[in-house]
């Protein structure tokens, strides 16, 4: 009689099932937010990198975070 390496009550099974349940909504919002960022970023790129902003990379990351947050709100 073959015995499964991971019984249904093991911690690894809980981890895999939990990953399947909670990963897709986050992935969808990051993917949609990335497309928002791809639309918005070229429109304001000249202002970001013109020297008027103290730290362009932080502004770029903040813009991406705002896009992901907006995507999360839209997907709810």
PDB file of N, CA and C in Angstrom:
ATOM      1  N   UNK A   1       0.836  -1.172   0.000  1.00  0.00           N
ATOM      2  CA  UNK A   1       0.000   0.000   0.000  1.00  0.00           C
ATOM      3  C   UNK A   1       0.888   1.245   0.000  1.00  0.00           C
ATOM      4  N   UNK A   2       0.796   2.076  -1.031  1.00  0.00           N
ATOM      5  CA  UNK A   2       1.652   3.267  -1.077  1.00  0.00           C
ATOM      6  C   UNK A   2       1.204   4.318  -0.053  1.00  0.00           C
ATOM      7  N   UNK A   3       2.186   4.863   0.611  1.00  0.00           N
ATOM      8  CA  UNK A   3       1.913   5.899   1.616  1.00  0.00           C
ATOM      9  C   UNK A   3       2.377   7.233   1.041  1.00  0.00           C
ATOM     10  N   UNK A   4       1.520   8.234   1.104  1.00  0.00           N
ATOM     11  CA  UNK A   4       1.853   9.557   0.582  1.00  0.00           C
ATOM     12  C   UNK A   4       2.939  10.203   1.436  1.00  0.00           C
ATOM     13  N   UNK A   5       3.820  10.906   0.786  1.00  0.00           N
ATOM     14  CA  UNK A   5       4.893  11.572   1.510  1.00  0.00           C
ATOM     15  C   UNK A   5       4.339  12.730   2.341  1.00  0.00           C
ATOM     16  N   UNK A   6       3.290  13.388   1.860  1.00  0.00           N
ATOM     17  CA  UNK A   6       2.679  14.507   2.568  1.00  0.00           C
ATOM     18  C   UNK A   6       1.212  14.189   2.840  1.00  0.00           C
ATOM     19  N   UNK A   7       0.883  13.793   4.061  1.00  0.00           N
ATOM     20  CA  UNK A   7      -0.525  13.524   4.353  1.00  0.00           C
ATOM     21  C   UNK A   7      -1.343  14.822   4.297  1.00  0.00           C
ATOM     22  N   UNK A   8      -2.647  14.677   4.185  1.00  0.00           N
ATOM     23  CA  UNK A   8      -3.514  15.838   4.024  1.00  0.00           C
ATOM     24  C   UNK A   8      -3.471  16.802   5.201  1.00  0.00           C
ATOM     25  N   UNK A   9      -3.024  16.340   6.353  1.00  0.00           N
ATOM     26  CA  UNK A   9      -3.016  17.212   7.528  1.00  0.00           C
ATOM     27  C   UNK A   9      -1.647  17.812   7.807  1.00  0.00           C
ATOM     28  N   UNK A  10      -0.703  17.671   6.899  1.00  0.00           N
ATOM     29  CA  UNK A  10       0.633  18.207   7.168  1.00  0.00           C
ATOM     30  C   UNK A  10       0.657  19.719   6.969  1.00  0.00           C
ATOM     31  N   UNK A  11       1.653  20.354   7.536  1.00  0.00           N
ATOM     32  CA  UNK A  11       1.798  21.815   7.438  1.00  0.00           C
ATOM     33  C   UNK A  11       2.090  22.241   6.001  1.00  0.00           C
ATOM     34  N   UNK A  12       2.811  21.425   5.245  1.00  0.00           N
ATOM     35  CA  UNK A  12       3.134  21.778   3.863  1.00  0.00           C
ATOM     36  C   UNK A  12       1.877  21.832   3.008  1.00  0.00           C
ATOM     37  N   UNK A  13       0.937  20.921   3.241  1.00  0.00           N
ATOM     38  CA  UNK A  13      -0.320  20.947   2.494  1.00  0.00           C
ATOM     39  C   UNK A  13      -1.091  22.224   2.807  1.00  0.00           C
ATOM     40  N   UNK A  14      -1.121  22.637   4.063  1.00  0.00           N
ATOM     41  CA  UNK A  14      -1.785  23.889   4.437  1.00  0.00           C
ATOM     42  C   UNK A  14      -1.123  25.066   3.751  1.00  0.00           C
ATOM     43  N   UNK A  15       0.182  25.054   3.678  1.00  0.00           N
ATOM     44  CA  UNK A  15       0.919  26.137   3.040  1.00  0.00           C
ATOM     45  C   UNK A  15       0.586  26.211   1.554  1.00  0.00           C
ATOM     46  N   UNK A  16       0.552  25.079   0.873  1.00  0.00           N
ATOM     47  CA  UNK A  16       0.261  25.058  -0.556  1.00  0.00           C
ATOM     48  C   UNK A  16      -1.176  25.486  -0.811  1.00  0.00           C
ATOM     49  N   UNK A  17      -2.129  24.986  -0.038  1.00  0.00           N
ATOM     50  CA  UNK A  17      -3.527  25.375  -0.211  1.00  0.00           C
ATOM     51  C   UNK A  17      -3.687  26.858   0.094  1.00  0.00           C
ATOM     52  N   UNK A  18      -3.039  27.345   1.138  1.00  0.00           N
ATOM     53  CA  UNK A  18      -3.108  28.764   1.461  1.00  0.00           C
ATOM     54  C   UNK A  18      -2.513  29.618   0.360  1.00  0.00           C
ATOM     55  N   UNK A  19      -1.448  29.167  -0.227  1.00  0.00           N
ATOM     56  CA  UNK A  19      -0.822  29.905  -1.318  1.00  0.00           C
ATOM     57  C   UNK A  19      -1.753  29.967  -2.522  1.00  0.00           C
ATOM     58  N   UNK A  20      -2.441  28.889  -2.822  1.00  0.00           N
ATOM     59  CA  UNK A  20      -3.356  28.874  -3.967  1.00  0.00           C
ATOM     60  C   UNK A  20      -4.559  29.778  -3.711  1.00  0.00           C
ATOM     61  N   UNK A  21      -4.972  29.924  -2.467  1.00  0.00           N
ATOM     62  CA  UNK A  21      -6.134  30.742  -2.163  1.00  0.00           C
ATOM     63  C   UNK A  21      -5.813  32.232  -2.130  1.00  0.00           C
ATOM     64  N   UNK A  22      -4.647  32.610  -1.636  1.00  0.00           N
ATOM     65  CA  UNK A  22      -4.358  34.011  -1.408  1.00  0.00           C
ATOM     66  C   UNK A  22      -3.433  34.653  -2.436  1.00  0.00           C
ATOM     67  N   UNK A  23      -2.747  33.901  -3.250  1.00  0.00           N
ATOM     68  CA  UNK A  23      -1.823  34.496  -4.221  1.00  0.00           C
ATOM     69  C   UNK A  23      -2.508  35.152  -5.413  1.00  0.00           C
ATOM     70  N   UNK A  24      -3.526  34.545  -6.021  1.00  0.00           N
ATOM     71  CA  UNK A  24      -4.090  35.139  -7.243  1.00  0.00           C
ATOM     72  C   UNK A  24      -4.633  36.555  -7.108  1.00  0.00           C
ATOM     73  N   UNK A  25      -5.362  36.946  -6.040  1.00  0.00           N
ATOM     74  CA  UNK A  25      -5.827  38.335  -5.976  1.00  0.00           C
ATOM     75  C   UNK A  25      -4.680  39.340  -5.919  1.00  0.00           C
ATOM     76  N   UNK A  26      -3.624  39.000  -5.216  1.00  0.00           N
ATOM     77  CA  UNK A  26      -2.470  39.901  -5.153  1.00  0.00           C
ATOM     78  C   UNK A  26      -1.807  39.976  -6.523  1.00  0.00           C
ATOM     79  N   UNK A  27      -1.683  38.844  -7.183  1.00  0.00           N
ATOM     80  CA  UNK A  27      -1.070  38.824  -8.507  1.00  0.00           C
ATOM     81  C   UNK A  27      -1.880  39.647  -9.496  1.00  0.00           C
ATOM     82  N   UNK A  28      -3.216  39.536  -9.430  1.00  0.00           N
ATOM     83  CA  UNK A  28      -4.062  40.292 -10.348  1.00  0.00           C
ATOM     84  C   UNK A  28      -3.902  41.792 -10.130  1.00  0.00           C
ATOM     85  N   UNK A  29      -3.855  42.228  -8.878  1.00  0.00           N
ATOM     86  CA  UNK A  29      -3.740  43.661  -8.622  1.00  0.00           C
ATOM     87  C   UNK A  29      -2.359  44.190  -9.009  1.00  0.00           C
ATOM     88  N   UNK A  30      -1.309  43.407  -8.797  1.00  0.00           N
ATOM     89  CA  UNK A  30       0.033  43.848  -9.205  1.00  0.00           C
ATOM     90  C   UNK A  30       0.122  43.912 -10.726  1.00  0.00           C
ATOM     91  N   UNK A  31      -0.460  42.949 -11.410  1.00  0.00           N
ATOM     92  CA  UNK A  31      -0.431  42.946 -12.872  1.00  0.00           C
ATOM     93  C   UNK A  31      -1.222  44.122 -13.445  1.00  0.00           C
ATOM     94  N   UNK A  32      -2.422  44.367 -12.918  1.00  0.00           N
ATOM     95  CA  UNK A  32      -3.228  45.496 -13.382  1.00  0.00           C
ATOM     96  C   UNK A  32      -2.565  46.820 -13.018  1.00  0.00           C
ATOM     97  N   UNK A  33      -1.988  46.905 -11.818  1.00  0.00           N
ATOM     98  CA  UNK A  33      -1.270  48.111 -11.409  1.00  0.00           C
ATOM     99  C   UNK A  33      -0.064  48.378 -12.285  1.00  0.00           C
ATOM    100  N   UNK A  34       0.604  47.321 -12.714  1.00  0.00           N
ATOM    101  CA  UNK A  34       1.749  47.490 -13.608  1.00  0.00           C
ATOM    102  C   UNK A  34       1.308  48.089 -14.935  1.00  0.00           C
ATOM    103  N   UNK A  35       0.151  47.662 -15.450  1.00  0.00           N
ATOM    104  CA  UNK A  35      -0.336  48.245 -16.700  1.00  0.00           C
ATOM    105  C   UNK A  35      -0.754  49.705 -16.512  1.00  0.00           C
ATOM    106  N   UNK A  36      -1.344  50.033 -15.360  1.00  0.00           N
ATOM    107  CA  UNK A  36      -1.637  51.439 -15.063  1.00  0.00           C
ATOM    108  C   UNK A  36      -0.352  52.251 -15.050  1.00  0.00           C
ATOM    109  N   UNK A  37       0.682  51.679 -14.391  1.00  0.00           N
ATOM    110  CA  UNK A  37       1.971  52.367 -14.294  1.00  0.00           C
ATOM    111  C   UNK A  37       2.581  52.564 -15.684  1.00  0.00           C
ATOM    112  N   UNK A  38       2.434  51.547 -16.552  1.00  0.00           N
ATOM    113  CA  UNK A  38       2.960  51.673 -17.917  1.00  0.00           C
ATOM    114  C   UNK A  38       2.269  52.787 -18.694  1.00  0.00           C
ATOM    115  N   UNK A  39       1.020  53.076 -18.368  1.00  0.00           N
ATOM    116  CA  UNK A  39       0.302  54.156 -19.044  1.00  0.00           C
ATOM    117  C   UNK A  39       0.689  55.513 -18.464  1.00  0.00           C
ATOM    118  N   UNK A  40       0.763  55.614 -17.134  1.00  0.00           N
ATOM    119  CA  UNK A  40       0.997  56.895 -16.467  1.00  0.00           C
ATOM    120  C   UNK A  40       2.466  57.317 -16.523  1.00  0.00           C
ATOM    121  N   UNK A  41       3.385  56.391 -16.373  1.00  0.00           N
ATOM    122  CA  UNK A  41       4.810  56.719 -16.267  1.00  0.00           C
ATOM    123  C   UNK A  41       5.351  57.522 -17.452  1.00  0.00           C
ATOM    124  N   UNK A  42       5.084  57.141 -18.695  1.00  0.00           N
ATOM    125  CA  UNK A  42       5.621  57.950 -19.803  1.00  0.00           C
ATOM    126  C   UNK A  42       5.042  59.362 -19.851  1.00  0.00           C
ATOM    127  N   UNK A  43       3.838  59.542 -19.329  1.00  0.00           N
ATOM    128  CA  UNK A  43       3.221  60.862 -19.343  1.00  0.00           C
ATOM    129  C   UNK A  43       3.916  61.849 -18.404  1.00  0.00           C
ATOM    130  N   UNK A  44       4.456  61.354 -17.296  1.00  0.00           N
ATOM    131  CA  UNK A  44       5.101  62.261 -16.333  1.00  0.00           C
ATOM    132  C   UNK A  44       6.602  62.009 -16.185  1.00  0.00           C
ATOM    133  N   UNK A  45       7.171  61.213 -17.069  1.00  0.00           N
ATOM    134  CA  UNK A  45       8.594  60.876 -16.976  1.00  0.00           C
ATOM    135  C   UNK A  45       9.482  62.115 -17.050  1.00  0.00           C
ATOM    136  N   UNK A  46       9.141  63.065 -17.902  1.00  0.00           N
ATOM    137  CA  UNK A  46       9.982  64.255 -18.047  1.00  0.00           C
ATOM    138  C   UNK A  46      10.006  65.071 -16.757  1.00  0.00           C
ATOM    139  N   UNK A  47       8.915  65.120 -16.009  1.00  0.00           N
ATOM    140  CA  UNK A  47       8.910  65.840 -14.732  1.00  0.00           C
ATOM    141  C   UNK A  47       9.695  65.087 -13.664  1.00  0.00           C
ATOM    142  N   UNK A  48       9.573  63.760 -13.670  1.00  0.00           N
ATOM    143  CA  UNK A  48      10.254  62.962 -12.652  1.00  0.00           C
ATOM    144  C   UNK A  48      11.768  63.105 -12.778  1.00  0.00           C
ATOM    145  N   UNK A  49      12.290  63.026 -13.989  1.00  0.00           N
ATOM    146  CA  UNK A  49      13.737  63.005 -14.180  1.00  0.00           C
ATOM    147  C   UNK A  49      14.313  64.358 -14.588  1.00  0.00           C
ATOM    148  N   UNK A  50      13.550  65.438 -14.435  1.00  0.00           N
ATOM    149  CA  UNK A  50      14.043  66.755 -14.833  1.00  0.00           C
ATOM    150  C   UNK A  50      14.913  67.412 -13.770  1.00  0.00           C
ATOM    151  N   UNK A  51      14.928  66.887 -12.572  1.00  0.00           N
ATOM    152  CA  UNK A  51      15.710  67.487 -11.499  1.00  0.00           C
ATOM    153  C   UNK A  51      14.839  68.242 -10.513  1.00  0.00           C
ATOM    154  N   UNK A  52      13.554  68.369 -10.774  1.00  0.00           N
ATOM    155  CA  UNK A  52      12.654  69.056  -9.863  1.00  0.00           C
ATOM    156  C   UNK A  52      12.269  68.165  -8.675  1.00  0.00           C
ATOM    157  N   UNK A  53      12.410  66.864  -8.839  1.00  0.00           N
ATOM    158  CA  UNK A  53      12.052  65.907  -7.794  1.00  0.00           C
ATOM    159  C   UNK A  53      13.313  65.503  -7.063  1.00  0.00           C
ATOM    160  N   UNK A  54      13.228  65.438  -5.727  1.00  0.00           N
ATOM    161  CA  UNK A  54      14.410  65.152  -4.911  1.00  0.00           C
ATOM    162  C   UNK A  54      14.982  63.775  -5.216  1.00  0.00           C
ATOM    163  N   UNK A  55      14.127  62.758  -5.289  1.00  0.00           N
ATOM    164  CA  UNK A  55      14.616  61.398  -5.533  1.00  0.00           C
ATOM    165  C   UNK A  55      13.702  60.714  -6.548  1.00  0.00           C
ATOM    166  N   UNK A  56      14.079  60.701  -7.810  1.00  0.00           N
ATOM    167  CA  UNK A  56      13.209  60.162  -8.861  1.00  0.00           C
ATOM    168  C   UNK A  56      12.836  58.694  -8.687  1.00  0.00           C
ATOM    169  N   UNK A  57      13.752  57.895  -8.168  1.00  0.00           N
ATOM    170  CA  UNK A  57      13.453  56.471  -8.006  1.00  0.00           C
ATOM    171  C   UNK A  57      12.363  56.259  -6.965  1.00  0.00           C
ATOM    172  N   UNK A  58      12.429  57.017  -5.867  1.00  0.00           N
ATOM    173  CA  UNK A  58      11.396  56.894  -4.843  1.00  0.00           C
ATOM    174  C   UNK A  58      10.041  57.346  -5.375  1.00  0.00           C
ATOM    175  N   UNK A  59      10.027  58.392  -6.174  1.00  0.00           N
ATOM    176  CA  UNK A  59       8.771  58.845  -6.764  1.00  0.00           C
ATOM    177  C   UNK A  59       8.228  57.800  -7.733  1.00  0.00           C
ATOM    178  N   UNK A  60       9.112  57.182  -8.474  1.00  0.00           N
ATOM    179  CA  UNK A  60       8.706  56.135  -9.405  1.00  0.00           C
ATOM    180  C   UNK A  60       8.110  54.938  -8.657  1.00  0.00           C
ATOM    181  N   UNK A  61       8.754  54.522  -7.570  1.00  0.00           N
ATOM    182  CA  UNK A  61       8.228  53.417  -6.763  1.00  0.00           C
ATOM    183  C   UNK A  61       6.910  53.795  -6.093  1.00  0.00           C
ATOM    184  N   UNK A  62       6.803  55.039  -5.647  1.00  0.00           N
ATOM    185  CA  UNK A  62       5.555  55.500  -5.042  1.00  0.00           C
ATOM    186  C   UNK A  62       4.422  55.499  -6.059  1.00  0.00           C
ATOM    187  N   UNK A  63       4.723  55.900  -7.263  1.00  0.00           N
ATOM    188  CA  UNK A  63       3.727  55.884  -8.327  1.00  0.00           C
ATOM    189  C   UNK A  63       3.271  54.455  -8.610  1.00  0.00           C
ATOM    190  N   UNK A  64       4.206  53.522  -8.638  1.00  0.00           N
ATOM    191  CA  UNK A  64       3.852  52.117  -8.851  1.00  0.00           C
ATOM    192  C   UNK A  64       2.981  51.596  -7.711  1.00  0.00           C
ATOM    193  N   UNK A  65       3.338  51.948  -6.476  1.00  0.00           N
ATOM    194  CA  UNK A  65       2.554  51.516  -5.319  1.00  0.00           C
ATOM    195  C   UNK A  65       1.143  52.090  -5.384  1.00  0.00           C
ATOM    196  N   UNK A  66       1.008  53.331  -5.775  1.00  0.00           N
ATOM    197  CA  UNK A  66      -0.322  53.933  -5.915  1.00  0.00           C
ATOM    198  C   UNK A  66      -1.132  53.248  -7.018  1.00  0.00           C
ATOM    199  N   UNK A  67      -0.473  52.879  -8.099  1.00  0.00           N
ATOM    200  CA  UNK A  67      -1.161  52.160  -9.172  1.00  0.00           C
ATOM    201  C   UNK A  67      -1.650  50.794  -8.713  1.00  0.00           C
ATOM    202  N   UNK A  68      -0.822  50.084  -7.950  1.00  0.00           N
ATOM    203  CA  UNK A  68      -1.231  48.775  -7.434  1.00  0.00           C
ATOM    204  C   UNK A  68      -2.373  48.936  -6.436  1.00  0.00           C
ATOM    205  N   UNK A  69      -2.308  49.971  -5.593  1.00  0.00           N
ATOM    206  CA  UNK A  69      -3.391  50.212  -4.643  1.00  0.00           C
ATOM    207  C   UNK A  69      -4.698  50.551  -5.366  1.00  0.00           C
ATOM    208  N   UNK A  70      -4.610  51.339  -6.411  1.00  0.00           N
ATOM    209  CA  UNK A  70      -5.812  51.668  -7.194  1.00  0.00           C
ATOM    210  C   UNK A  70      -6.369  50.417  -7.869  1.00  0.00           C
ATOM    211  N   UNK A  71      -5.499  49.567  -8.366  1.00  0.00           N
ATOM    212  CA  UNK A  71      -5.947  48.327  -8.993  1.00  0.00           C
ATOM    213  C   UNK A  71      -6.626  47.421  -7.982  1.00  0.00           C
ATOM    214  N   UNK A  72      -6.093  47.381  -6.752  1.00  0.00           N
ATOM    215  CA  UNK A  72      -6.700  46.586  -5.700  1.00  0.00           C
ATOM    216  C   UNK A  72      -8.104  47.103  -5.366  1.00  0.00           C
ATOM    217  N   UNK A  73      -8.247  48.430  -5.340  1.00  0.00           N
ATOM    218  CA  UNK A  73      -9.557  49.022  -5.056  1.00  0.00           C
ATOM    219  C   UNK A  73     -10.537  48.740  -6.192  1.00  0.00           C
ATOM    220  N   UNK A  74     -10.048  48.749  -7.416  1.00  0.00           N
ATOM    221  CA  UNK A  74     -10.921  48.479  -8.562  1.00  0.00           C
ATOM    222  C   UNK A  74     -11.367  47.019  -8.572  1.00  0.00           C
ATOM    223  N   UNK A  75     -10.477  46.105  -8.202  1.00  0.00           N
ATOM    224  CA  UNK A  75     -10.808  44.681  -8.246  1.00  0.00           C
ATOM    225  C   UNK A  75     -11.723  44.231  -7.114  1.00  0.00           C
ATOM    226  N   UNK A  76     -11.896  45.045  -6.098  1.00  0.00           N
ATOM    227  CA  UNK A  76     -12.788  44.667  -4.992  1.00  0.00           C
ATOM    228  C   UNK A  76     -14.179  44.706  -5.374  1.00  0.00           C
TER     229      UNK A  76
END
